[in-house]
Amino acid sequence: MAYFLKSGNTYKVTSKDAMDLHDALPAGNYVVAKDMNGNFYLEQIDSFTPIKKIYGDCLKNTDRIVRTFQSRDSSTGVMLTGEKGSGKTLLAKNISIKLAEAGVPTIVINAPWHGDAFNKLLQDIDQPCAVVFDEFEKVYDREQQESILTLLDGVFPSKKLFLLTCNDKYRVDQHMRNRPGRIFYMIDFCGLDSGFIREYCEDNLDNKVHIDRLCTIASLFNQFNFDMLKALVEDMNRYNEGPQETMRILNAKPEFDSGASYSVELFVDGKKFDHEIHPEVWDGNPLQRVVELGWDPDPNDNDSQWMSEKFNHEHLVTVDAKSGRFIFENKNMTVALTRVRQKTFSFDAF
């Protein structure tokens, strides 16, 4: 028996087996594609592999985002920002896995689709689903980003969780920042803290004696990310090495890291020097570069001469990996370098 599939004003002969109709999109992962006639459609891809163990705030953030999405009547936007390997994609995947357990599908956007036809495709899916824009600011240019704002405004009746990952939040359209109506949550991934690193090493590093040293080396980076940690632990286990030996050829160098700055304090005979020193902020790797300071021993004396001293790794006496503080001693002088972290607003002062 012949069956006829109607599309617009056209009919195509087809079989009954080919007419596999669903009243809802099954839970799973899909990408958006376009046929030769310019029509959008969905293509199913492999689902995300369940994660064996999750570290840091990933579980807490997953539960909060999923709960917020499920409790709201309208769509919810979430932006995850940070360098590659910082954990933002891991969070997006975990959210997708959690939603799939509740029967919610995920649509992954990996091309700069936009416009009325694209919007209609998403809105025709009238069930709750997640829409992941991976590396949003790289895939979409400024003009294309503006065309996405309508989707995020929540003016369409269908309920979506829009997940946007980006490496540089300042390349994202300014009308998405400080606009909870469009982007409800924004999470900054600023590198791993020592607690995360220790927990991961306790589970995965064979020789635990190296954990303290690994944390010290991680503190040299402005943003020590998960990719670095995973690769470092993997190679240390493979060759039974310490972190210094492994990082000799690993593609993870503090000198490549941007914004590695330290505030400088000088102590003479155990007393803090309260007058001008140069530099007040030092840039570099304290384990690799010489720290050279200059200061005026008596600013009230116009004839006094500036003094200078050098400090290198041989003068290093203590390192506090958690705070990123390095203490050097040379003769009767002590220098404290404290890592200047990326400045973010904090409500702790209120």
Protein backbone atom coordinates (compact mmCIF):
# COMPACT_ATOMS: atom_id res chain seq x y z
CA MET A 1 0.00 0.00 0.00
CA ALA A 2 1.32 3.43 -0.95
CA TYR A 3 1.48 6.40 1.43
CA PHE A 4 1.70 10.05 0.42
CA LEU A 5 3.66 12.58 2.51
CA LYS A 6 2.41 16.12 2.05
CA SER A 7 4.83 19.05 2.36
CA GLY A 8 3.25 22.38 1.48
CA ASN A 9 1.51 21.81 -1.86
CA THR A 10 3.65 18.82 -2.80
CA TYR A 11 3.13 15.12 -2.17
CA LYS A 12 5.86 12.48 -2.00
CA VAL A 13 5.31 8.74 -2.21
CA THR A 14 6.73 7.08 0.87
CA SER A 15 6.44 3.93 2.94
CA LYS A 16 4.68 3.54 6.26
CA ASP A 17 7.98 2.64 7.94
CA ALA A 18 9.50 5.94 6.81
CA MET A 19 6.73 7.88 8.51
CA ASP A 20 8.07 7.70 12.05
CA LEU A 21 6.18 10.55 13.67
CA HIS A 22 6.73 11.82 17.22
CA ASP A 23 4.57 14.23 19.16
CA ALA A 24 7.67 15.48 21.01
CA LEU A 25 11.39 15.67 20.34
CA PRO A 26 13.02 12.73 22.17
CA ALA A 27 15.64 13.50 24.82
CA GLY A 28 19.06 13.55 23.19
CA ASN A 29 21.48 15.90 21.45
CA TYR A 30 20.86 17.56 18.09
CA VAL A 31 22.57 20.05 15.78
CA VAL A 32 20.86 22.47 13.42
CA ALA A 33 21.52 21.96 9.71
CA LYS A 34 20.17 23.39 6.45
CA ASP A 35 19.18 21.50 3.30
CA MET A 36 19.83 22.53 -0.32
CA ASN A 37 16.58 24.48 -0.41
CA GLY A 38 17.56 26.56 2.61
CA ASN A 39 15.24 24.79 5.03
CA PHE A 40 16.44 24.20 8.59
CA TYR A 41 16.22 20.79 10.22
CA LEU A 42 17.61 18.93 13.23
CA GLU A 43 20.14 16.11 13.03
CA GLN A 44 20.64 13.85 16.03
CA ILE A 45 24.21 13.43 17.33
CA ASP A 46 25.80 11.43 20.13
CA SER A 47 24.72 12.32 23.64
CA PHE A 48 27.28 13.61 26.13
CA THR A 49 29.13 10.90 28.02
CA PRO A 50 28.26 10.85 31.75
CA ILE A 51 31.07 12.30 33.87
CA LYS A 52 32.55 9.87 36.42
CA LYS A 53 33.36 12.44 39.08
CA ILE A 54 32.79 16.17 39.17
CA TYR A 55 35.00 18.58 41.11
CA GLY A 56 34.52 22.11 42.36
CA ASP A 57 31.18 23.92 42.03
CA CYS A 58 29.99 22.10 38.92
CA LEU A 59 27.34 20.02 40.69
CA LYS A 60 26.06 22.96 42.73
CA ASN A 61 25.84 25.19 39.66
CA THR A 62 24.20 22.43 37.63
CA ASP A 63 21.48 21.88 40.22
CA ARG A 64 20.80 25.60 40.60
CA ILE A 65 20.58 26.32 36.87
CA VAL A 66 18.35 23.30 36.17
CA ARG A 67 16.08 24.12 39.11
CA THR A 68 15.78 27.77 38.07
CA PHE A 69 14.96 26.79 34.48
CA GLN A 70 12.34 24.27 35.55
CA SER A 71 10.67 26.69 37.98
CA ARG A 72 10.37 29.63 35.57
CA ASP A 73 7.56 30.08 33.07
CA SER A 74 9.74 31.84 30.50
CA SER A 75 13.06 31.05 28.86
CA THR A 76 16.29 31.38 30.84
CA GLY A 77 19.66 32.55 29.53
CA VAL A 78 22.98 31.49 31.09
CA MET A 79 26.42 32.71 30.02
CA LEU A 80 29.54 30.73 31.00
CA THR A 81 32.76 32.67 30.47
CA GLY A 82 36.42 31.79 30.85
CA GLU A 83 39.51 30.57 29.04
CA LYS A 84 39.58 27.26 27.18
CA GLY A 85 39.79 24.33 29.55
CA SER A 86 38.48 26.33 32.52
CA GLY A 87 35.41 24.14 33.05
CA LYS A 88 32.59 26.06 31.37
CA THR A 89 31.97 23.38 28.72
CA LEU A 90 32.02 20.71 31.43
CA LEU A 91 29.22 22.55 33.24
CA ALA A 92 27.20 22.93 30.02
CA LYS A 93 27.55 19.19 29.31
CA ASN A 94 26.55 18.26 32.84
CA ILE A 95 23.46 20.46 32.62
CA SER A 96 22.52 18.73 29.35
CA ILE A 97 22.97 15.28 30.93
CA LYS A 98 20.85 16.31 33.92
CA LEU A 99 18.07 17.64 31.68
CA ALA A 100 18.12 14.52 29.50
CA GLU A 101 17.29 12.47 32.60
CA ALA A 102 14.11 14.56 32.82
CA GLY A 103 13.32 14.02 29.12
CA VAL A 104 14.58 17.43 27.97
CA PRO A 105 16.55 17.47 24.66
CA THR A 106 19.60 19.63 23.89
CA ILE A 107 20.20 21.48 20.63
CA VAL A 108 23.83 22.42 19.96
CA ILE A 109 24.42 25.49 17.76
CA ASN A 110 27.82 25.28 16.04
CA ALA A 111 27.23 27.68 13.12
CA PRO A 112 26.09 31.34 13.07
CA TRP A 113 22.44 30.55 12.35
CA HIS A 114 20.11 33.51 12.81
CA GLY A 115 17.09 35.19 11.28
CA ASP A 116 13.37 34.54 11.13
CA ALA A 117 13.60 31.00 9.70
CA PHE A 118 16.05 29.93 12.39
CA ASN A 119 13.95 31.50 15.13
CA LYS A 120 10.87 29.75 13.79
CA LEU A 121 12.62 26.37 13.88
CA LEU A 122 13.39 26.78 17.59
CA GLN A 123 9.97 28.15 18.41
CA ASP A 124 8.22 25.33 16.56
CA ILE A 125 9.80 23.04 19.14
CA ASP A 126 7.13 23.94 21.68
CA GLN A 127 8.50 21.74 24.47
CA PRO A 128 11.19 22.71 27.02
CA CYS A 129 14.71 22.18 25.68
CA ALA A 130 18.27 23.43 26.11
CA VAL A 131 19.99 25.39 23.34
CA VAL A 132 23.79 25.48 23.62
CA PHE A 133 25.74 28.19 21.77
CA ASP A 134 29.34 26.98 22.11
CA GLU A 135 32.09 29.65 21.82
CA PHE A 136 29.37 32.17 21.10
CA GLU A 137 31.58 35.22 20.50
CA LYS A 138 33.72 33.31 17.98
CA VAL A 139 30.86 31.78 16.02
CA TYR A 140 28.73 34.96 15.93
CA ASP A 141 30.12 38.37 14.91
CA ARG A 142 28.77 41.60 16.39
CA GLU A 143 25.95 42.04 13.88
CA GLN A 144 24.89 38.40 14.14
CA GLN A 145 24.89 38.62 17.94
CA GLU A 146 22.35 41.45 17.76
CA SER A 147 20.03 39.23 15.73
CA ILE A 148 20.02 36.67 18.57
CA LEU A 149 18.73 39.16 21.13
CA THR A 150 15.13 38.55 20.09
CA LEU A 151 15.47 34.89 20.98
CA LEU A 152 16.86 35.72 24.41
CA ASP A 153 14.19 38.32 25.22
CA GLY A 154 11.67 35.65 26.07
CA VAL A 155 8.97 37.10 23.81
CA PHE A 156 8.31 33.70 22.24
CA PRO A 157 5.95 31.34 24.08
CA SER A 158 8.18 28.24 24.05
CA LYS A 159 10.43 27.63 27.06
CA LYS A 160 14.17 27.28 26.40
CA LEU A 161 17.36 27.18 28.45
CA PHE A 162 19.91 29.15 26.42
CA LEU A 163 23.48 28.22 27.41
CA LEU A 164 26.17 30.44 25.92
CA THR A 165 29.85 29.63 26.44
CA CYS A 166 32.48 32.22 25.57
CA ASN A 167 36.19 32.78 26.10
CA ASP A 168 36.02 36.59 26.20
CA LYS A 169 32.88 38.11 27.72
CA TYR A 170 33.85 41.57 26.48
CA ARG A 171 33.42 40.41 22.88
CA VAL A 172 29.79 39.61 23.64
CA ASP A 173 27.18 42.22 22.69
CA GLN A 174 26.91 44.82 25.46
CA HIS A 175 23.12 44.46 25.47
CA MET A 176 23.53 40.99 26.95
CA ARG A 177 25.49 42.24 29.98
CA ASN A 178 23.60 43.42 33.07
CA ARG A 179 20.36 42.25 31.45
CA PRO A 180 18.94 39.37 33.55
CA GLY A 181 15.86 39.41 31.30
CA ARG A 182 18.10 38.03 28.56
CA ILE A 183 20.99 36.42 30.42
CA PHE A 184 19.73 35.45 33.87
CA TYR A 185 23.00 33.95 35.14
CA MET A 186 26.61 34.76 34.24
CA ILE A 187 29.34 32.54 35.68
CA ASP A 188 33.01 33.50 35.37
CA PHE A 189 35.55 30.66 35.38
CA CYS A 190 38.75 32.27 36.69
CA GLY A 191 40.98 29.24 37.15
CA LEU A 192 41.16 26.42 39.68
CA ASP A 193 41.68 27.07 43.37
CA SER A 194 44.03 25.00 45.53
CA GLY A 195 41.13 23.02 47.04
CA PHE A 196 40.02 21.83 43.60
CA ILE A 197 43.61 20.93 42.65
CA ARG A 198 44.21 18.98 45.86
CA GLU A 199 40.96 17.03 45.57
CA TYR A 200 41.71 16.09 41.97
CA CYS A 201 45.28 15.07 42.80
CA GLU A 202 44.16 12.94 45.75
CA ASP A 203 41.97 10.98 43.34
CA ASN A 204 44.24 10.85 40.29
CA LEU A 205 47.91 11.52 41.12
CA ASP A 206 49.90 8.36 41.88
CA ASN A 207 52.62 9.97 43.98
CA LYS A 208 50.83 12.21 46.48
CA VAL A 209 54.11 13.65 47.78
CA HIS A 210 54.09 16.04 44.80
CA ILE A 211 50.74 17.68 45.59
CA ASP A 212 52.15 20.62 47.57
CA ARG A 213 54.71 21.39 44.87
CA LEU A 214 52.07 21.14 42.15
CA CYS A 215 49.87 23.63 44.02
CA THR A 216 52.83 26.00 44.31
CA ILE A 217 53.48 25.86 40.58
CA ALA A 218 49.77 26.37 39.84
CA SER A 219 49.86 29.58 41.87
CA LEU A 220 52.28 31.04 39.29
CA PHE A 221 49.45 31.15 36.76
CA ASN A 222 46.77 33.81 36.68
CA GLN A 223 44.28 31.15 35.57
CA PHE A 224 45.49 27.58 36.04
CA ASN A 225 42.82 25.62 34.18
CA PHE A 226 41.57 22.03 34.19
CA ASP A 227 43.27 21.18 30.89
CA MET A 228 46.63 22.04 32.44
CA LEU A 229 45.93 20.07 35.61
CA LYS A 230 44.71 16.98 33.77
CA ALA A 231 47.67 16.93 31.35
CA LEU A 232 50.18 17.55 34.15
CA VAL A 233 48.85 14.74 36.36
CA GLU A 234 48.62 12.36 33.39
CA ASP A 235 52.27 12.88 32.40
CA MET A 236 53.55 12.83 35.99
CA ASN A 237 51.93 9.40 36.42
CA ARG A 238 53.23 8.15 33.10
CA TYR A 239 56.90 8.97 33.81
CA ASN A 240 56.88 8.97 37.63
CA GLU A 241 58.11 12.57 37.69
CA GLY A 242 57.61 15.65 39.81
CA PRO A 243 55.69 18.64 38.40
CA GLN A 244 58.85 20.63 37.60
CA GLU A 245 60.29 17.87 35.43
CA THR A 246 57.00 17.32 33.61
CA MET A 247 56.38 21.01 32.95
CA ARG A 248 59.80 21.35 31.33
CA ILE A 249 58.27 20.34 27.98
CA LEU A 250 54.53 20.46 28.72
CA ASN A 251 52.57 23.14 26.85
CA ALA A 252 51.76 24.97 30.09
CA LYS A 253 54.15 27.84 30.84
CA PRO A 254 53.64 30.61 33.40
CA GLU A 255 55.40 33.02 31.04
CA PHE A 256 52.58 32.48 28.50
CA ASP A 257 50.00 33.45 31.10
CA SER A 258 48.66 36.98 30.82
CA GLY A 259 48.39 39.28 33.81
CA ALA A 260 50.91 37.54 36.10
CA SER A 261 51.45 40.44 38.50
CA TYR A 262 52.59 40.66 42.14
CA SER A 263 52.35 43.43 44.70
CA VAL A 264 55.71 44.14 46.35
CA GLU A 265 56.53 44.69 50.04
CA LEU A 266 60.02 45.36 51.39
CA PHE A 267 61.16 44.69 54.97
CA VAL A 268 64.51 45.91 56.29
CA ASP A 269 65.77 44.42 59.57
CA GLY A 270 62.29 43.00 60.12
CA LYS A 271 60.50 46.35 59.74
CA LYS A 272 58.30 47.18 56.78
CA PHE A 273 59.72 49.89 54.52
CA ASP A 274 56.87 52.40 54.20
CA HIS A 275 58.40 54.71 51.61
CA GLU A 276 58.54 54.52 47.83
CA ILE A 277 59.93 51.38 46.23
CA HIS A 278 60.28 50.52 42.59
CA PRO A 279 58.52 48.64 41.19
CA GLU A 280 55.43 48.58 43.39
CA VAL A 281 53.97 45.87 41.16
CA TRP A 282 56.25 43.23 39.64
CA ASP A 283 55.38 41.12 36.58
CA GLY A 284 56.82 37.68 35.84
CA ASN A 285 57.53 34.25 37.28
CA PRO A 286 59.25 34.43 40.71
CA LEU A 287 60.82 31.00 40.18
CA GLN A 288 62.42 31.93 36.87
CA ARG A 289 63.13 35.67 36.86
CA VAL A 290 65.31 37.83 39.07
CA VAL A 291 63.37 40.30 41.23
CA GLU A 292 65.27 43.61 41.29
CA LEU A 293 64.06 46.37 43.64
CA GLY A 294 65.10 49.96 44.14
CA TRP A 295 64.33 52.24 47.09
CA ASP A 296 65.36 55.50 48.76
CA PRO A 297 66.60 54.69 52.29
CA ASP A 298 65.86 58.22 53.56
CA PRO A 299 63.27 60.12 51.49
CA ASN A 300 63.67 63.14 53.80
CA ASP A 301 67.33 63.52 52.84
CA ASN A 302 67.71 65.15 49.42
CA ASP A 303 71.26 63.85 49.18
CA SER A 304 70.45 60.19 49.88
CA GLN A 305 71.14 57.74 47.09
CA TRP A 306 68.72 55.12 45.85
CA MET A 307 69.68 51.59 46.74
CA SER A 308 68.93 48.41 44.84
CA GLU A 309 69.07 44.68 45.47
CA LYS A 310 68.37 41.51 43.51
CA PHE A 311 66.48 38.47 44.68
CA ASN A 312 66.38 35.14 42.83
CA HIS A 313 65.17 31.58 43.44
CA GLU A 314 68.16 30.95 45.75
CA HIS A 315 66.76 33.55 48.15
CA LEU A 316 63.26 32.04 48.20
CA VAL A 317 62.38 30.85 51.71
CA THR A 318 58.60 30.23 51.73
CA VAL A 319 55.73 29.93 49.28
CA ASP A 320 52.03 30.06 50.18
CA ALA A 321 50.30 28.49 47.18
CA LYS A 322 46.80 29.38 48.38
CA SER A 323 47.46 33.12 48.59
CA GLY A 324 50.16 33.20 45.90
CA ARG A 325 52.70 34.77 48.29
CA PHE A 326 56.47 34.36 47.81
CA ILE A 327 58.98 35.37 50.49
CA PHE A 328 62.63 36.11 49.60
CA GLU A 329 65.45 36.90 52.05
CA ASN A 330 68.77 38.45 51.09
CA LYS A 331 71.13 39.91 53.72
CA ASN A 332 69.00 41.97 56.15
CA MET A 333 66.17 42.43 53.64
CA THR A 334 62.97 40.50 53.06
CA VAL A 335 60.78 40.86 49.98
CA ALA A 336 57.19 39.62 49.84
CA LEU A 337 55.52 39.16 46.45
CA THR A 338 51.77 38.58 46.62
CA ARG A 339 49.85 37.54 43.53
CA VAL A 340 47.43 40.21 42.28
CA ARG A 341 44.35 38.27 41.31
CA GLN A 342 42.00 39.29 38.53
CA LYS A 343 39.77 42.00 39.93
CA THR A 344 36.14 41.05 40.29
CA PHE A 345 33.39 42.79 42.23
CA SER A 346 32.74 41.34 45.66
CA PHE A 347 29.75 41.86 47.96
CA ASP A 348 31.80 40.81 50.99
CA ALA A 349 32.44 44.43 51.96
CA PHE A 350 28.71 45.19 52.37
